[in-house]
Amino acid sequence: MNDVDSTRPDVERLRSLNTVGLVSYILHLAVAVAAVLPGAQPGVSLLLVALLIDFIKRGDAVGTWHESHFTWRIRTVFIAGGLYLLTAPLWMLFVLPGMLAWWAVSLWFLYRIIKGMIGMNAGRPMVN
């Protein structure tokens, strides 16, 4: 009976982390899809909510395979943000190169989110 009681918190913890991870991935996915489709911007607020969830719940995932997914999403947002900032001057100098650069960053962001969702569904940790 003790074995069953001692594994129950771990199962509940993983189930909770899976739910939080799914919500975060869906928010990231909405932003990523909207970034690729012109005129469909849901706003940065969804991304900030997802990032806040990831930062808050990351500590709960320490020692589990979910921890890598929190790190994956946080790192993806910061790298994409850096790339957007790096390519922002192209918008001011030349519209078309700026648009193409941002579209490429948006596609990369979308790829990373989909790859992470697939990994989470398979129960695999993310490896950079």
Protein backbone atom coordinates (compact mmCIF):
# COMPACT_ATOMS: atom_id res chain seq x y z
CA MET A 1 0.00 0.00 0.00
CA ASN A 2 2.89 2.36 0.71
CA ASP A 3 4.29 1.87 -2.79
CA VAL A 4 1.03 2.97 -4.37
CA ASP A 5 0.76 6.02 -2.10
CA SER A 6 4.37 7.06 -2.74
CA THR A 7 4.03 6.93 -6.56
CA ARG A 8 0.72 8.80 -6.66
CA PRO A 9 2.29 12.25 -6.05
CA ASP A 10 4.78 11.63 -8.87
CA VAL A 11 2.01 10.64 -11.27
CA GLU A 12 -0.04 13.69 -10.29
CA ARG A 13 3.02 15.94 -10.60
CA LEU A 14 3.80 14.66 -14.11
CA ARG A 15 0.15 14.96 -15.14
CA SER A 16 0.08 18.55 -13.88
CA LEU A 17 3.35 19.38 -15.67
CA ASN A 18 1.97 17.84 -18.85
CA THR A 19 -1.14 20.02 -18.64
CA VAL A 20 0.85 23.18 -17.97
CA GLY A 21 3.26 22.27 -20.78
CA LEU A 22 0.39 21.73 -23.19
CA VAL A 23 -1.19 25.09 -22.32
CA SER A 24 2.15 26.83 -22.75
CA TYR A 25 2.84 25.12 -26.09
CA ILE A 26 -0.63 26.06 -27.35
CA LEU A 27 -0.07 29.71 -26.43
CA HIS A 28 3.35 29.65 -28.11
CA LEU A 29 1.84 27.92 -31.14
CA ALA A 30 -0.88 30.57 -31.51
CA VAL A 31 1.79 33.28 -31.51
CA ALA A 32 4.06 31.32 -33.88
CA VAL A 33 1.31 30.63 -36.43
CA ALA A 34 0.17 34.25 -36.29
CA ALA A 35 3.73 35.44 -36.83
CA VAL A 36 3.94 33.46 -40.07
CA LEU A 37 0.51 34.56 -41.38
CA PRO A 38 0.39 38.23 -42.34
CA GLY A 39 -2.17 40.28 -40.44
CA ALA A 40 -2.99 37.58 -37.90
CA GLN A 41 -1.05 38.92 -34.91
CA PRO A 42 -2.72 37.92 -31.62
CA GLY A 43 -0.33 40.21 -29.78
CA VAL A 44 2.72 39.86 -27.65
CA SER A 45 0.51 39.41 -24.58
CA LEU A 46 -0.07 35.70 -25.32
CA LEU A 47 3.66 35.16 -25.63
CA LEU A 48 4.30 36.99 -22.36
CA VAL A 49 1.66 34.89 -20.58
CA ALA A 50 3.23 31.69 -21.92
CA LEU A 51 6.72 32.86 -20.93
CA LEU A 52 5.49 33.77 -17.44
CA ILE A 53 3.92 30.33 -17.05
CA ASP A 54 7.18 28.73 -18.11
CA PHE A 55 9.26 30.74 -15.65
CA ILE A 56 6.88 30.11 -12.75
CA LYS A 57 6.33 26.38 -13.32
CA ARG A 58 9.90 25.55 -14.36
CA GLY A 59 10.89 24.97 -10.73
CA ASP A 60 8.16 22.34 -10.34
CA ALA A 61 9.67 20.37 -13.21
CA VAL A 62 13.20 20.05 -11.81
CA GLY A 63 14.40 16.47 -12.10
CA THR A 64 11.80 15.44 -14.69
CA TRP A 65 11.91 15.26 -18.47
CA HIS A 66 9.49 18.20 -18.48
CA GLU A 67 12.27 20.47 -17.25
CA SER A 68 13.90 20.34 -20.67
CA HIS A 69 10.66 21.48 -22.30
CA PHE A 70 10.40 24.54 -20.07
CA THR A 71 14.01 25.40 -20.91
CA TRP A 72 13.32 24.71 -24.61
CA ARG A 73 10.39 27.14 -24.74
CA ILE A 74 12.15 29.87 -22.75
CA ARG A 75 15.28 29.59 -24.87
CA THR A 76 13.23 29.60 -28.08
CA VAL A 77 11.50 32.86 -27.10
CA PHE A 78 14.73 34.60 -26.16
CA ILE A 79 16.58 33.48 -29.29
CA ALA A 80 13.68 34.52 -31.52
CA GLY A 81 13.44 37.86 -29.72
CA GLY A 82 17.15 38.42 -30.23
CA LEU A 83 16.88 37.55 -33.90
CA TYR A 84 13.93 39.92 -34.34
CA LEU A 85 15.93 42.72 -32.71
CA LEU A 86 18.98 41.91 -34.81
CA THR A 87 17.00 42.04 -38.06
CA ALA A 88 14.86 45.07 -37.10
CA PRO A 89 17.19 47.56 -38.85
CA LEU A 90 16.47 45.80 -42.15
CA TRP A 91 12.89 47.06 -41.88
CA MET A 92 14.13 50.63 -41.67
CA LEU A 93 16.61 50.28 -44.52
CA PHE A 94 14.84 47.94 -46.88
CA VAL A 95 11.30 46.66 -46.36
CA LEU A 96 11.54 43.45 -48.38
CA PRO A 97 14.73 42.09 -46.72
CA GLY A 98 13.30 42.96 -43.32
CA MET A 99 10.05 41.19 -44.10
CA LEU A 100 11.89 38.11 -45.37
CA ALA A 101 14.19 38.03 -42.34
CA TRP A 102 11.28 38.26 -39.91
CA TRP A 103 9.36 35.63 -41.82
CA ALA A 104 12.39 33.29 -41.61
CA VAL A 105 12.67 33.88 -37.86
CA SER A 106 8.93 33.25 -37.50
CA LEU A 107 9.20 29.97 -39.42
CA TRP A 108 12.11 28.90 -37.19
CA PHE A 109 10.04 29.79 -34.10
CA LEU A 110 7.09 27.78 -35.42
CA TYR A 111 9.37 24.81 -36.17
CA ARG A 112 10.79 24.84 -32.62
CA ILE A 113 7.34 24.97 -31.03
CA ILE A 114 6.00 22.12 -33.17
CA LYS A 115 9.12 20.05 -32.52
CA GLY A 116 8.71 20.63 -28.78
CA MET A 117 5.02 19.67 -28.86
CA ILE A 118 5.83 16.45 -30.68
CA GLY A 119 8.56 15.67 -28.15
CA MET A 120 6.27 16.33 -25.20
CA ASN A 121 3.51 14.14 -26.69
CA ALA A 122 6.06 11.35 -27.06
CA GLY A 123 7.27 11.84 -23.48
CA ARG A 124 10.80 12.70 -24.62
CA PRO A 125 13.05 15.39 -23.19
CA MET A 126 14.24 18.11 -25.56
CA VAL A 127 17.90 18.22 -26.51
CA ASN A 128 19.32 21.32 -28.11
